[in-house]
Amino acid sequence: MKHLLFLIVAASVYLHFYPNAEVTKFYNDKKLAVLIWFADFSDTKVRLKADKIYTDLEHKIDHFSDKEVEHLKVLTSSRNNVKTFYFTICKTEKRDIVFRLSNEKEVCSVINRYTSML
């Protein structure tokens, strides 16, 4: 056990005074991954449940084609998908290739109600 401790101390002193670019990059990448994991784990904000968008649009689903309904299901499968759609389609002039304009505006208006929870 004492030898292992000496080895760890020697390695840390060596890396402290003679840093290696690959080791430093590896360390920084792993540190960032752990910090992101802890941030996601300890997040206490109220978040949007992605299928809430779909349930709000269910009474208007008869205006959507089958392809649009499938795209809406994929869109509302995760909060990240909803967030990406909102910032790339709803907040810009870019059009979604699946939704018709009226349906796209309807989806964007429903998402717009929940922007504080994205």
PDB file of N, CA and C in Angstrom:
ATOM      1  N   MET A   1       0.823  -1.189   0.000  1.00  0.00           N
ATOM      2  CA  MET A   1       0.000   0.000   0.000  1.00  0.00           C
ATOM      3  C   MET A   1       0.865   1.250   0.000  1.00  0.00           C
ATOM      4  N   LYS A   2       1.970   1.204   0.786  1.00  0.00           N
ATOM      5  CA  LYS A   2       2.863   2.348   0.863  1.00  0.00           C
ATOM      6  C   LYS A   2       3.532   2.586  -0.490  1.00  0.00           C
ATOM      7  N   HIS A   3       3.862   1.523  -1.200  1.00  0.00           N
ATOM      8  CA  HIS A   3       4.505   1.659  -2.508  1.00  0.00           C
ATOM      9  C   HIS A   3       3.542   2.278  -3.530  1.00  0.00           C
ATOM     10  N   LEU A   4       2.278   1.891  -3.426  1.00  0.00           N
ATOM     11  CA  LEU A   4       1.271   2.461  -4.321  1.00  0.00           C
ATOM     12  C   LEU A   4       1.111   3.958  -4.081  1.00  0.00           C
ATOM     13  N   LEU A   5       1.128   4.365  -2.844  1.00  0.00           N
ATOM     14  CA  LEU A   5       1.043   5.781  -2.504  1.00  0.00           C
ATOM     15  C   LEU A   5       2.243   6.546  -3.043  1.00  0.00           C
ATOM     16  N   PHE A   6       3.453   5.967  -2.910  1.00  0.00           N
ATOM     17  CA  PHE A   6       4.649   6.607  -3.461  1.00  0.00           C
ATOM     18  C   PHE A   6       4.554   6.732  -4.977  1.00  0.00           C
ATOM     19  N   LEU A   7       4.029   5.719  -5.615  1.00  0.00           N
ATOM     20  CA  LEU A   7       3.870   5.738  -7.071  1.00  0.00           C
ATOM     21  C   LEU A   7       2.896   6.827  -7.503  1.00  0.00           C
ATOM     22  N   ILE A   8       1.786   6.968  -6.808  1.00  0.00           N
ATOM     23  CA  ILE A   8       0.798   7.995  -7.137  1.00  0.00           C
ATOM     24  C   ILE A   8       1.377   9.387  -6.929  1.00  0.00           C
ATOM     25  N   VAL A   9       2.082   9.594  -5.835  1.00  0.00           N
ATOM     26  CA  VAL A   9       2.697  10.900  -5.555  1.00  0.00           C
ATOM     27  C   VAL A   9       3.766  11.213  -6.595  1.00  0.00           C
ATOM     28  N   ALA A  10       4.574  10.241  -6.942  1.00  0.00           N
ATOM     29  CA  ALA A  10       5.625  10.459  -7.936  1.00  0.00           C
ATOM     30  C   ALA A  10       5.021  10.797  -9.295  1.00  0.00           C
ATOM     31  N   ALA A  11       3.971  10.086  -9.684  1.00  0.00           N
ATOM     32  CA  ALA A  11       3.317  10.369 -10.964  1.00  0.00           C
ATOM     33  C   ALA A  11       2.692  11.755 -10.965  1.00  0.00           C
ATOM     34  N   SER A  12       2.063  12.157  -9.866  1.00  0.00           N
ATOM     35  CA  SER A  12       1.458  13.491  -9.839  1.00  0.00           C
ATOM     36  C   SER A  12       2.505  14.590  -9.840  1.00  0.00           C
ATOM     37  N   VAL A  13       3.624  14.398  -9.147  1.00  0.00           N
ATOM     38  CA  VAL A  13       4.696  15.407  -9.172  1.00  0.00           C
ATOM     39  C   VAL A  13       5.277  15.500 -10.578  1.00  0.00           C
ATOM     40  N   TYR A  14       5.508  14.359 -11.221  1.00  0.00           N
ATOM     41  CA  TYR A  14       6.038  14.370 -12.582  1.00  0.00           C
ATOM     42  C   TYR A  14       5.080  15.091 -13.536  1.00  0.00           C
ATOM     43  N   LEU A  15       3.806  14.768 -13.477  1.00  0.00           N
ATOM     44  CA  LEU A  15       2.840  15.393 -14.385  1.00  0.00           C
ATOM     45  C   LEU A  15       2.631  16.871 -14.057  1.00  0.00           C
ATOM     46  N   HIS A  16       2.854  17.244 -12.817  1.00  0.00           N
ATOM     47  CA  HIS A  16       2.713  18.645 -12.449  1.00  0.00           C
ATOM     48  C   HIS A  16       3.849  19.491 -13.050  1.00  0.00           C
ATOM     49  N   PHE A  17       5.064  18.989 -12.966  1.00  0.00           N
ATOM     50  CA  PHE A  17       6.205  19.765 -13.446  1.00  0.00           C
ATOM     51  C   PHE A  17       6.528  19.515 -14.917  1.00  0.00           C
ATOM     52  N   TYR A  18       6.137  18.383 -15.465  1.00  0.00           N
ATOM     53  CA  TYR A  18       6.381  18.058 -16.867  1.00  0.00           C
ATOM     54  C   TYR A  18       5.074  17.608 -17.518  1.00  0.00           C
ATOM     55  N   PRO A  19       4.170  18.550 -17.748  1.00  0.00           N
ATOM     56  CA  PRO A  19       2.858  18.145 -18.280  1.00  0.00           C
ATOM     57  C   PRO A  19       2.954  17.623 -19.715  1.00  0.00           C
ATOM     58  N   ASN A  20       2.140  16.664 -20.004  1.00  0.00           N
ATOM     59  CA  ASN A  20       2.065  16.058 -21.320  1.00  0.00           C
ATOM     60  C   ASN A  20       0.760  16.529 -21.965  1.00  0.00           C
ATOM     61  N   ALA A  21       0.804  16.954 -23.207  1.00  0.00           N
ATOM     62  CA  ALA A  21      -0.378  17.506 -23.872  1.00  0.00           C
ATOM     63  C   ALA A  21      -1.512  16.488 -23.955  1.00  0.00           C
ATOM     64  N   GLU A  22      -1.191  15.236 -24.264  1.00  0.00           N
ATOM     65  CA  GLU A  22      -2.237  14.219 -24.383  1.00  0.00           C
ATOM     66  C   GLU A  22      -2.865  13.899 -23.034  1.00  0.00           C
ATOM     67  N   VAL A  23      -2.048  13.844 -22.001  1.00  0.00           N
ATOM     68  CA  VAL A  23      -2.575  13.557 -20.663  1.00  0.00           C
ATOM     69  C   VAL A  23      -3.431  14.725 -20.184  1.00  0.00           C
ATOM     70  N   THR A  24      -2.964  15.945 -20.455  1.00  0.00           N
ATOM     71  CA  THR A  24      -3.734  17.128 -20.068  1.00  0.00           C
ATOM     72  C   THR A  24      -5.065  17.166 -20.797  1.00  0.00           C
ATOM     73  N   LYS A  25      -5.068  16.841 -22.100  1.00  0.00           N
ATOM     74  CA  LYS A  25      -6.311  16.822 -22.868  1.00  0.00           C
ATOM     75  C   LYS A  25      -7.253  15.746 -22.330  1.00  0.00           C
ATOM     76  N   PHE A  26      -6.727  14.561 -22.044  1.00  0.00           N
ATOM     77  CA  PHE A  26      -7.525  13.476 -21.481  1.00  0.00           C
ATOM     78  C   PHE A  26      -8.141  13.899 -20.148  1.00  0.00           C
ATOM     79  N   TYR A  27      -7.319  14.507 -19.290  1.00  0.00           N
ATOM     80  CA  TYR A  27      -7.794  14.963 -17.986  1.00  0.00           C
ATOM     81  C   TYR A  27      -8.895  16.007 -18.140  1.00  0.00           C
ATOM     82  N   ASN A  28      -8.694  16.975 -19.018  1.00  0.00           N
ATOM     83  CA  ASN A  28      -9.697  18.038 -19.214  1.00  0.00           C
ATOM     84  C   ASN A  28     -10.991  17.488 -19.793  1.00  0.00           C
ATOM     85  N   ASP A  29     -10.897  16.537 -20.726  1.00  0.00           N
ATOM     86  CA  ASP A  29     -12.098  15.925 -21.302  1.00  0.00           C
ATOM     87  C   ASP A  29     -12.894  15.166 -20.247  1.00  0.00           C
ATOM     88  N   LYS A  30     -12.208  14.378 -19.441  1.00  0.00           N
ATOM     89  CA  LYS A  30     -12.890  13.604 -18.402  1.00  0.00           C
ATOM     90  C   LYS A  30     -13.467  14.513 -17.322  1.00  0.00           C
ATOM     91  N   LYS A  31     -12.746  15.572 -16.999  1.00  0.00           N
ATOM     92  CA  LYS A  31     -13.243  16.525 -16.000  1.00  0.00           C
ATOM     93  C   LYS A  31     -14.512  17.200 -16.507  1.00  0.00           C
ATOM     94  N   LEU A  32     -14.526  17.594 -17.785  1.00  0.00           N
ATOM     95  CA  LEU A  32     -15.707  18.224 -18.378  1.00  0.00           C
ATOM     96  C   LEU A  32     -16.888  17.256 -18.395  1.00  0.00           C
ATOM     97  N   ALA A  33     -16.636  15.997 -18.725  1.00  0.00           N
ATOM     98  CA  ALA A  33     -17.713  15.004 -18.749  1.00  0.00           C
ATOM     99  C   ALA A  33     -18.314  14.812 -17.364  1.00  0.00           C
ATOM    100  N   VAL A  34     -17.462  14.762 -16.347  1.00  0.00           N
ATOM    101  CA  VAL A  34     -17.950  14.595 -14.976  1.00  0.00           C
ATOM    102  C   VAL A  34     -18.740  15.827 -14.539  1.00  0.00           C
ATOM    103  N   LEU A  35     -18.262  17.015 -14.877  1.00  0.00           N
ATOM    104  CA  LEU A  35     -18.975  18.237 -14.509  1.00  0.00           C
ATOM    105  C   LEU A  35     -20.342  18.323 -15.187  1.00  0.00           C
ATOM    106  N   ILE A  36     -20.425  17.921 -16.447  1.00  0.00           N
ATOM    107  CA  ILE A  36     -21.710  17.913 -17.157  1.00  0.00           C
ATOM    108  C   ILE A  36     -22.648  16.896 -16.523  1.00  0.00           C
ATOM    109  N   TRP A  37     -22.116  15.727 -16.173  1.00  0.00           N
ATOM    110  CA  TRP A  37     -22.947  14.705 -15.540  1.00  0.00           C
ATOM    111  C   TRP A  37     -23.492  15.200 -14.208  1.00  0.00           C
ATOM    112  N   PHE A  38     -22.641  15.833 -13.397  1.00  0.00           N
ATOM    113  CA  PHE A  38     -23.106  16.356 -12.116  1.00  0.00           C
ATOM    114  C   PHE A  38     -24.124  17.477 -12.307  1.00  0.00           C
ATOM    115  N   ALA A  39     -23.934  18.319 -13.319  1.00  0.00           N
ATOM    116  CA  ALA A  39     -24.881  19.396 -13.573  1.00  0.00           C
ATOM    117  C   ALA A  39     -26.247  18.836 -13.973  1.00  0.00           C
ATOM    118  N   ASP A  40     -26.246  17.800 -14.817  1.00  0.00           N
ATOM    119  CA  ASP A  40     -27.514  17.171 -15.198  1.00  0.00           C
ATOM    120  C   ASP A  40     -28.148  16.445 -14.020  1.00  0.00           C
ATOM    121  N   PHE A  41     -27.332  15.805 -13.219  1.00  0.00           N
ATOM    122  CA  PHE A  41     -27.829  15.036 -12.085  1.00  0.00           C
ATOM    123  C   PHE A  41     -28.418  15.938 -11.003  1.00  0.00           C
ATOM    124  N   SER A  42     -27.778  17.057 -10.761  1.00  0.00           N
ATOM    125  CA  SER A  42     -28.204  17.918  -9.661  1.00  0.00           C
ATOM    126  C   SER A  42     -29.096  19.068 -10.101  1.00  0.00           C
ATOM    127  N   ASP A  43     -29.578  19.029 -11.317  1.00  0.00           N
ATOM    128  CA  ASP A  43     -30.443  20.096 -11.827  1.00  0.00           C
ATOM    129  C   ASP A  43     -31.773  20.073 -11.083  1.00  0.00           C
ATOM    130  N   THR A  44     -32.158  21.211 -10.519  1.00  0.00           N
ATOM    131  CA  THR A  44     -33.390  21.266  -9.745  1.00  0.00           C
ATOM    132  C   THR A  44     -34.469  22.104 -10.414  1.00  0.00           C
ATOM    133  N   LYS A  45     -34.213  22.565 -11.622  1.00  0.00           N
ATOM    134  CA  LYS A  45     -35.221  23.365 -12.305  1.00  0.00           C
ATOM    135  C   LYS A  45     -36.382  22.486 -12.765  1.00  0.00           C
ATOM    136  N   VAL A  46     -37.538  23.102 -12.858  1.00  0.00           N
ATOM    137  CA  VAL A  46     -38.692  22.406 -13.413  1.00  0.00           C
ATOM    138  C   VAL A  46     -38.483  22.334 -14.920  1.00  0.00           C
ATOM    139  N   ARG A  47     -38.587  21.150 -15.465  1.00  0.00           N
ATOM    140  CA  ARG A  47     -38.327  20.946 -16.885  1.00  0.00           C
ATOM    141  C   ARG A  47     -39.591  20.509 -17.608  1.00  0.00           C
ATOM    142  N   LEU A  48     -39.601  20.792 -18.878  1.00  0.00           N
ATOM    143  CA  LEU A  48     -40.726  20.430 -19.733  1.00  0.00           C
ATOM    144  C   LEU A  48     -40.715  18.937 -20.003  1.00  0.00           C
ATOM    145  N   LYS A  49     -41.831  18.307 -19.783  1.00  0.00           N
ATOM    146  CA  LYS A  49     -41.991  16.923 -20.184  1.00  0.00           C
ATOM    147  C   LYS A  49     -42.340  16.954 -21.664  1.00  0.00           C
ATOM    148  N   ALA A  50     -41.516  16.342 -22.488  1.00  0.00           N
ATOM    149  CA  ALA A  50     -41.593  16.505 -23.936  1.00  0.00           C
ATOM    150  C   ALA A  50     -42.943  16.103 -24.518  1.00  0.00           C
ATOM    151  N   ASP A  51     -43.582  15.090 -23.971  1.00  0.00           N
ATOM    152  CA  ASP A  51     -44.850  14.662 -24.542  1.00  0.00           C
ATOM    153  C   ASP A  51     -46.002  15.608 -24.207  1.00  0.00           C
ATOM    154  N   LYS A  52     -45.754  16.613 -23.399  1.00  0.00           N
ATOM    155  CA  LYS A  52     -46.779  17.629 -23.104  1.00  0.00           C
ATOM    156  C   LYS A  52     -47.154  18.388 -24.374  1.00  0.00           C
ATOM    157  N   ILE A  53     -46.189  18.613 -25.248  1.00  0.00           N
ATOM    158  CA  ILE A  53     -46.449  19.276 -26.537  1.00  0.00           C
ATOM    159  C   ILE A  53     -47.421  18.431 -27.357  1.00  0.00           C
ATOM    160  N   TYR A  54     -47.169  17.128 -27.395  1.00  0.00           N
ATOM    161  CA  TYR A  54     -48.031  16.229 -28.155  1.00  0.00           C
ATOM    162  C   TYR A  54     -49.443  16.194 -27.571  1.00  0.00           C
ATOM    163  N   THR A  55     -49.565  16.133 -26.257  1.00  0.00           N
ATOM    164  CA  THR A  55     -50.896  16.072 -25.652  1.00  0.00           C
ATOM    165  C   THR A  55     -51.663  17.381 -25.856  1.00  0.00           C
ATOM    166  N   ASP A  56     -50.952  18.507 -25.908  1.00  0.00           N
ATOM    167  CA  ASP A  56     -51.629  19.779 -26.189  1.00  0.00           C
ATOM    168  C   ASP A  56     -52.121  19.859 -27.632  1.00  0.00           C
ATOM    169  N   LEU A  57     -51.455  19.150 -28.524  1.00  0.00           N
ATOM    170  CA  LEU A  57     -51.840  19.173 -29.937  1.00  0.00           C
ATOM    171  C   LEU A  57     -52.767  18.018 -30.323  1.00  0.00           C
ATOM    172  N   GLU A  58     -53.109  17.144 -29.410  1.00  0.00           N
ATOM    173  CA  GLU A  58     -53.924  15.972 -29.752  1.00  0.00           C
ATOM    174  C   GLU A  58     -55.295  16.328 -30.302  1.00  0.00           C
ATOM    175  N   HIS A  59     -55.891  17.387 -29.813  1.00  0.00           N
ATOM    176  CA  HIS A  59     -57.222  17.739 -30.309  1.00  0.00           C
ATOM    177  C   HIS A  59     -57.161  18.330 -31.724  1.00  0.00           C
ATOM    178  N   LYS A  60     -55.992  18.703 -32.194  1.00  0.00           N
ATOM    179  CA  LYS A  60     -55.826  19.218 -33.559  1.00  0.00           C
ATOM    180  C   LYS A  60     -55.094  18.229 -34.453  1.00  0.00           C
ATOM    181  N   ILE A  61     -54.904  17.024 -33.986  1.00  0.00           N
ATOM    182  CA  ILE A  61     -54.112  16.042 -34.717  1.00  0.00           C
ATOM    183  C   ILE A  61     -54.782  15.615 -36.027  1.00  0.00           C
ATOM    184  N   ASP A  62     -56.086  15.796 -36.146  1.00  0.00           N
ATOM    185  CA  ASP A  62     -56.768  15.412 -37.382  1.00  0.00           C
ATOM    186  C   ASP A  62     -56.404  16.337 -38.539  1.00  0.00           C
ATOM    187  N   HIS A  63     -55.805  17.506 -38.262  1.00  0.00           N
ATOM    188  CA  HIS A  63     -55.347  18.414 -39.311  1.00  0.00           C
ATOM    189  C   HIS A  63     -53.949  18.044 -39.814  1.00  0.00           C
ATOM    190  N   PHE A  64     -53.313  17.112 -39.151  1.00  0.00           N
ATOM    191  CA  PHE A  64     -51.961  16.699 -39.516  1.00  0.00           C
ATOM    192  C   PHE A  64     -52.022  15.449 -40.389  1.00  0.00           C
ATOM    193  N   SER A  65     -51.100  15.344 -41.342  1.00  0.00           N
ATOM    194  CA  SER A  65     -51.008  14.119 -42.138  1.00  0.00           C
ATOM    195  C   SER A  65     -50.305  13.042 -41.310  1.00  0.00           C
ATOM    196  N   ASP A  66     -50.322  11.812 -41.814  1.00  0.00           N
ATOM    197  CA  ASP A  66     -49.681  10.710 -41.093  1.00  0.00           C
ATOM    198  C   ASP A  66     -48.179  10.947 -40.926  1.00  0.00           C
ATOM    199  N   LYS A  67     -47.566  11.478 -41.967  1.00  0.00           N
ATOM    200  CA  LYS A  67     -46.136  11.769 -41.920  1.00  0.00           C
ATOM    201  C   LYS A  67     -45.838  12.858 -40.883  1.00  0.00           C
ATOM    202  N   GLU A  68     -46.707  13.848 -40.806  1.00  0.00           N
ATOM    203  CA  GLU A  68     -46.527  14.926 -39.834  1.00  0.00           C
ATOM    204  C   GLU A  68     -46.727  14.422 -38.404  1.00  0.00           C
ATOM    205  N   VAL A  69     -47.668  13.518 -38.218  1.00  0.00           N
ATOM    206  CA  VAL A  69     -47.903  12.948 -36.888  1.00  0.00           C
ATOM    207  C   VAL A  69     -46.675  12.151 -36.442  1.00  0.00           C
ATOM    208  N   GLU A  70     -46.118  11.361 -37.339  1.00  0.00           N
ATOM    209  CA  GLU A  70     -44.911  10.599 -36.999  1.00  0.00           C
ATOM    210  C   GLU A  70     -43.753  11.538 -36.668  1.00  0.00           C
ATOM    211  N   HIS A  71     -43.618  12.612 -37.440  1.00  0.00           N
ATOM    212  CA  HIS A  71     -42.553  13.589 -37.172  1.00  0.00           C
ATOM    213  C   HIS A  71     -42.793  14.279 -35.828  1.00  0.00           C
ATOM    214  N   LEU A  72     -44.035  14.552 -35.512  1.00  0.00           N
ATOM    215  CA  LEU A  72     -44.368  15.168 -34.232  1.00  0.00           C
ATOM    216  C   LEU A  72     -44.050  14.225 -33.071  1.00  0.00           C
ATOM    217  N   LYS A  73     -44.297  12.938 -33.255  1.00  0.00           N
ATOM    218  CA  LYS A  73     -43.962  11.964 -32.209  1.00  0.00           C
ATOM    219  C   LYS A  73     -42.459  11.903 -31.981  1.00  0.00           C
ATOM    220  N   VAL A  74     -41.694  11.930 -33.057  1.00  0.00           N
ATOM    221  CA  VAL A  74     -40.233  11.933 -32.926  1.00  0.00           C
ATOM    222  C   VAL A  74     -39.772  13.228 -32.270  1.00  0.00           C
ATOM    223  N   LEU A  75     -40.370  14.326 -32.679  1.00  0.00           N
ATOM    224  CA  LEU A  75     -40.022  15.632 -32.128  1.00  0.00           C
ATOM    225  C   LEU A  75     -40.280  15.702 -30.634  1.00  0.00           C
ATOM    226  N   THR A  76     -41.383  15.130 -30.183  1.00  0.00           N
ATOM    227  CA  THR A  76     -41.747  15.195 -28.769  1.00  0.00           C
ATOM    228  C   THR A  76     -41.243  13.990 -27.970  1.00  0.00           C
ATOM    229  N   SER A  77     -40.326  13.243 -28.529  1.00  0.00           N
ATOM    230  CA  SER A  77     -39.788  12.095 -27.802  1.00  0.00           C
ATOM    231  C   SER A  77     -38.797  12.499 -26.720  1.00  0.00           C
ATOM    232  N   SER A  78     -38.159  13.664 -26.871  1.00  0.00           N
ATOM    233  CA  SER A  78     -37.231  14.123 -25.832  1.00  0.00           C
ATOM    234  C   SER A  78     -37.239  15.649 -25.766  1.00  0.00           C
ATOM    235  N   ARG A  79     -36.833  16.149 -24.627  1.00  0.00           N
ATOM    236  CA  ARG A  79     -36.796  17.591 -24.421  1.00  0.00           C
ATOM    237  C   ARG A  79     -35.728  18.238 -25.301  1.00  0.00           C
ATOM    238  N   ASN A  80     -34.630  17.529 -25.538  1.00  0.00           N
ATOM    239  CA  ASN A  80     -33.584  18.066 -26.409  1.00  0.00           C
ATOM    240  C   ASN A  80     -34.075  18.217 -27.840  1.00  0.00           C
ATOM    241  N   ASN A  81     -34.902  17.278 -28.321  1.00  0.00           N
ATOM    242  CA  ASN A  81     -35.468  17.402 -29.665  1.00  0.00           C
ATOM    243  C   ASN A  81     -36.377  18.623 -29.763  1.00  0.00           C
ATOM    244  N   VAL A  82     -37.190  18.834 -28.732  1.00  0.00           N
ATOM    245  CA  VAL A  82     -38.090  19.988 -28.720  1.00  0.00           C
ATOM    246  C   VAL A  82     -37.278  21.280 -28.696  1.00  0.00           C
ATOM    247  N   LYS A  83     -36.264  21.313 -27.879  1.00  0.00           N
ATOM    248  CA  LYS A  83     -35.416  22.504 -27.761  1.00  0.00           C
ATOM    249  C   LYS A  83     -34.702  22.801 -29.072  1.00  0.00           C
ATOM    250  N   THR A  84     -34.164  21.782 -29.704  1.00  0.00           N
ATOM    251  CA  THR A  84     -33.480  21.962 -30.985  1.00  0.00           C
ATOM    252  C   THR A  84     -34.445  22.452 -32.053  1.00  0.00           C
ATOM    253  N   PHE A  85     -35.618  21.851 -32.112  1.00  0.00           N
ATOM    254  CA  PHE A  85     -36.622  22.280 -33.086  1.00  0.00           C
ATOM    255  C   PHE A  85     -37.009  23.737 -32.849  1.00  0.00           C
ATOM    256  N   TYR A  86     -37.216  24.091 -31.600  1.00  0.00           N
ATOM    257  CA  TYR A  86     -37.647  25.448 -31.278  1.00  0.00           C
ATOM    258  C   TYR A  86     -36.605  26.479 -31.708  1.00  0.00           C
ATOM    259  N   PHE A  87     -35.344  26.227 -31.397  1.00  0.00           N
ATOM    260  CA  PHE A  87     -34.322  27.220 -31.706  1.00  0.00           C
ATOM    261  C   PHE A  87     -33.878  27.195 -33.159  1.00  0.00           C
ATOM    262  N   THR A  88     -34.063  26.096 -33.878  1.00  0.00           N
ATOM    263  CA  THR A  88     -33.657  26.068 -35.286  1.00  0.00           C
ATOM    264  C   THR A  88     -34.801  26.391 -36.237  1.00  0.00           C
ATOM    265  N   ILE A  89     -36.022  26.105 -35.864  1.00  0.00           N
ATOM    266  CA  ILE A  89     -37.155  26.326 -36.765  1.00  0.00           C
ATOM    267  C   ILE A  89     -38.023  27.493 -36.295  1.00  0.00           C
ATOM    268  N   CYS A  90     -38.465  27.445 -35.071  1.00  0.00           N
ATOM    269  CA  CYS A  90     -39.428  28.447 -34.591  1.00  0.00           C
ATOM    270  C   CYS A  90     -38.803  29.829 -34.424  1.00  0.00           C
ATOM    271  N   LYS A  91     -37.571  29.890 -33.973  1.00  0.00           N
ATOM    272  CA  LYS A  91     -36.938  31.176 -33.708  1.00  0.00           C
ATOM    273  C   LYS A  91     -36.230  31.755 -34.931  1.00  0.00           C
ATOM    274  N   THR A  92     -36.217  31.034 -36.025  1.00  0.00           N
ATOM    275  CA  THR A  92     -35.570  31.511 -37.255  1.00  0.00           C
ATOM    276  C   THR A  92     -36.587  31.488 -38.385  1.00  0.00           C
ATOM    277  N   GLU A  93     -36.166  31.917 -39.531  1.00  0.00           N
ATOM    278  CA  GLU A  93     -37.026  31.893 -40.718  1.00  0.00           C
ATOM    279  C   GLU A  93     -36.944  30.560 -41.459  1.00  0.00           C
ATOM    280  N   LYS A  94     -36.152  29.648 -40.941  1.00  0.00           N
ATOM    281  CA  LYS A  94     -35.972  28.347 -41.568  1.00  0.00           C
ATOM    282  C   LYS A  94     -37.259  27.532 -41.450  1.00  0.00           C
ATOM    283  N   ARG A  95     -37.572  26.779 -42.497  1.00  0.00           N
ATOM    284  CA  ARG A  95     -38.785  25.954 -42.510  1.00  0.00           C
ATOM    285  C   ARG A  95     -38.438  24.497 -42.274  1.00  0.00           C
ATOM    286  N   ASP A  96     -39.359  23.806 -41.642  1.00  0.00           N
ATOM    287  CA  ASP A  96     -39.241  22.369 -41.475  1.00  0.00           C
ATOM    288  C   ASP A  96     -39.785  21.709 -42.736  1.00  0.00           C
ATOM    289  N   ILE A  97     -39.095  20.710 -43.245  1.00  0.00           N
ATOM    290  CA  ILE A  97     -39.502  20.118 -44.522  1.00  0.00           C
ATOM    291  C   ILE A  97     -40.691  19.174 -44.389  1.00  0.00           C
ATOM    292  N   VAL A  98     -41.036  18.761 -43.184  1.00  0.00           N
ATOM    293  CA  VAL A  98     -42.122  17.797 -43.004  1.00  0.00           C
ATOM    294  C   VAL A  98     -43.452  18.505 -42.758  1.00  0.00           C
ATOM    295  N   PHE A  99     -43.468  19.489 -41.871  1.00  0.00           N
ATOM    296  CA  PHE A  99     -44.710  20.165 -41.521  1.00  0.00           C
ATOM    297  C   PHE A  99     -45.143  21.161 -42.586  1.00  0.00           C
ATOM    298  N   ARG A 100     -46.467  21.224 -42.780  1.00  0.00           N
ATOM    299  CA  ARG A 100     -47.010  22.325 -43.566  1.00  0.00           C
ATOM    300  C   ARG A 100     -46.881  23.593 -42.732  1.00  0.00           C
ATOM    301  N   LEU A 101     -46.950  24.737 -43.381  1.00  0.00           N
ATOM    302  CA  LEU A 101     -46.710  26.004 -42.693  1.00  0.00           C
ATOM    303  C   LEU A 101     -47.690  26.221 -41.543  1.00  0.00           C
ATOM    304  N   SER A 102     -48.972  25.955 -41.774  1.00  0.00           N
ATOM    305  CA  SER A 102     -49.963  26.163 -40.710  1.00  0.00           C
ATOM    306  C   SER A 102     -49.714  25.240 -39.513  1.00  0.00           C
ATOM    307  N   ASN A 103     -49.354  23.994 -39.793  1.00  0.00           N
ATOM    308  CA  ASN A 103     -49.081  23.051 -38.703  1.00  0.00           C
ATOM    309  C   ASN A 103     -47.779  23.391 -37.987  1.00  0.00           C
ATOM    310  N   GLU A 104     -46.802  23.854 -38.748  1.00  0.00           N
ATOM    311  CA  GLU A 104     -45.539  24.274 -38.127  1.00  0.00           C
ATOM    312  C   GLU A 104     -45.768  25.450 -37.182  1.00  0.00           C
ATOM    313  N   LYS A 105     -46.580  26.394 -37.604  1.00  0.00           N
ATOM    314  CA  LYS A 105     -46.885  27.543 -36.742  1.00  0.00           C
ATOM    315  C   LYS A 105     -47.645  27.095 -35.498  1.00  0.00           C
ATOM    316  N   GLU A 106     -48.515  26.122 -35.644  1.00  0.00           N
ATOM    317  CA  GLU A 106     -49.268  25.603 -34.502  1.00  0.00           C
ATOM    318  C   GLU A 106     -48.338  24.918 -33.496  1.00  0.00           C
ATOM    319  N   VAL A 107     -47.425  24.101 -34.000  1.00  0.00           N
ATOM    320  CA  VAL A 107     -46.459  23.427 -33.128  1.00  0.00           C
ATOM    321  C   VAL A 107     -45.578  24.464 -32.433  1.00  0.00           C
ATOM    322  N   CYS A 108     -45.130  25.463 -33.177  1.00  0.00           N
ATOM    323  CA  CYS A 108     -44.281  26.503 -32.591  1.00  0.00           C
ATOM    324  C   CYS A 108     -45.032  27.313 -31.533  1.00  0.00           C
ATOM    325  N   SER A 109     -46.310  27.563 -31.754  1.00  0.00           N
ATOM    326  CA  SER A 109     -47.068  28.326 -30.759  1.00  0.00           C
ATOM    327  C   SER A 109     -47.257  27.531 -29.467  1.00  0.00           C
ATOM    328  N   VAL A 110     -47.435  26.212 -29.599  1.00  0.00           N
ATOM    329  CA  VAL A 110     -47.561  25.387 -28.400  1.00  0.00           C
ATOM    330  C   VAL A 110     -46.225  25.324 -27.658  1.00  0.00           C
ATOM    331  N   ILE A 111     -45.128  25.151 -28.389  1.00  0.00           N
ATOM    332  CA  ILE A 111     -43.809  25.128 -27.753  1.00  0.00           C
ATOM    333  C   ILE A 111     -43.502  26.478 -27.113  1.00  0.00           C
ATOM    334  N   ASN A 112     -43.938  27.536 -27.747  1.00  0.00           N
ATOM    335  CA  ASN A 112     -43.686  28.887 -27.242  1.00  0.00           C
ATOM    336  C   ASN A 112     -44.281  29.103 -25.854  1.00  0.00           C
ATOM    337  N   ARG A 113     -45.366  28.394 -25.546  1.00  0.00           N
ATOM    338  CA  ARG A 113     -45.973  28.505 -24.204  1.00  0.00           C
ATOM    339  C   ARG A 113     -45.057  27.970 -23.110  1.00  0.00           C
ATOM    340  N   TYR A 114     -44.179  27.053 -23.483  1.00  0.00           N
ATOM    341  CA  TYR A 114     -43.347  26.366 -22.499  1.00  0.00           C
ATOM    342  C   TYR A 114     -41.861  26.715 -22.637  1.00  0.00           C
ATOM    343  N   THR A 115     -41.536  27.830 -23.244  1.00  0.00           N
ATOM    344  CA  THR A 115     -40.122  28.160 -23.459  1.00  0.00           C
ATOM    345  C   THR A 115     -39.351  28.335 -22.168  1.00  0.00           C
ATOM    346  N   SER A 116     -39.998  28.760 -21.118  1.00  0.00           N
ATOM    347  CA  SER A 116     -39.266  28.944 -19.858  1.00  0.00           C
ATOM    348  C   SER A 116     -38.836  27.617 -19.246  1.00  0.00           C
ATOM    349  N   MET A 117     -39.434  26.515 -19.685  1.00  0.00           N
ATOM    350  CA  MET A 117     -39.083  25.204 -19.144  1.00  0.00           C
ATOM    351  C   MET A 117     -38.145  24.417 -20.039  1.00  0.00           C
ATOM    352  N   LEU A 118     -37.754  24.971 -21.175  1.00  0.00           N
ATOM    353  CA  LEU A 118     -36.851  24.248 -22.065  1.00  0.00           C
ATOM    354  C   LEU A 118     -35.489  24.197 -21.426  1.00  0.00           C
TER     355      LEU A 118
END
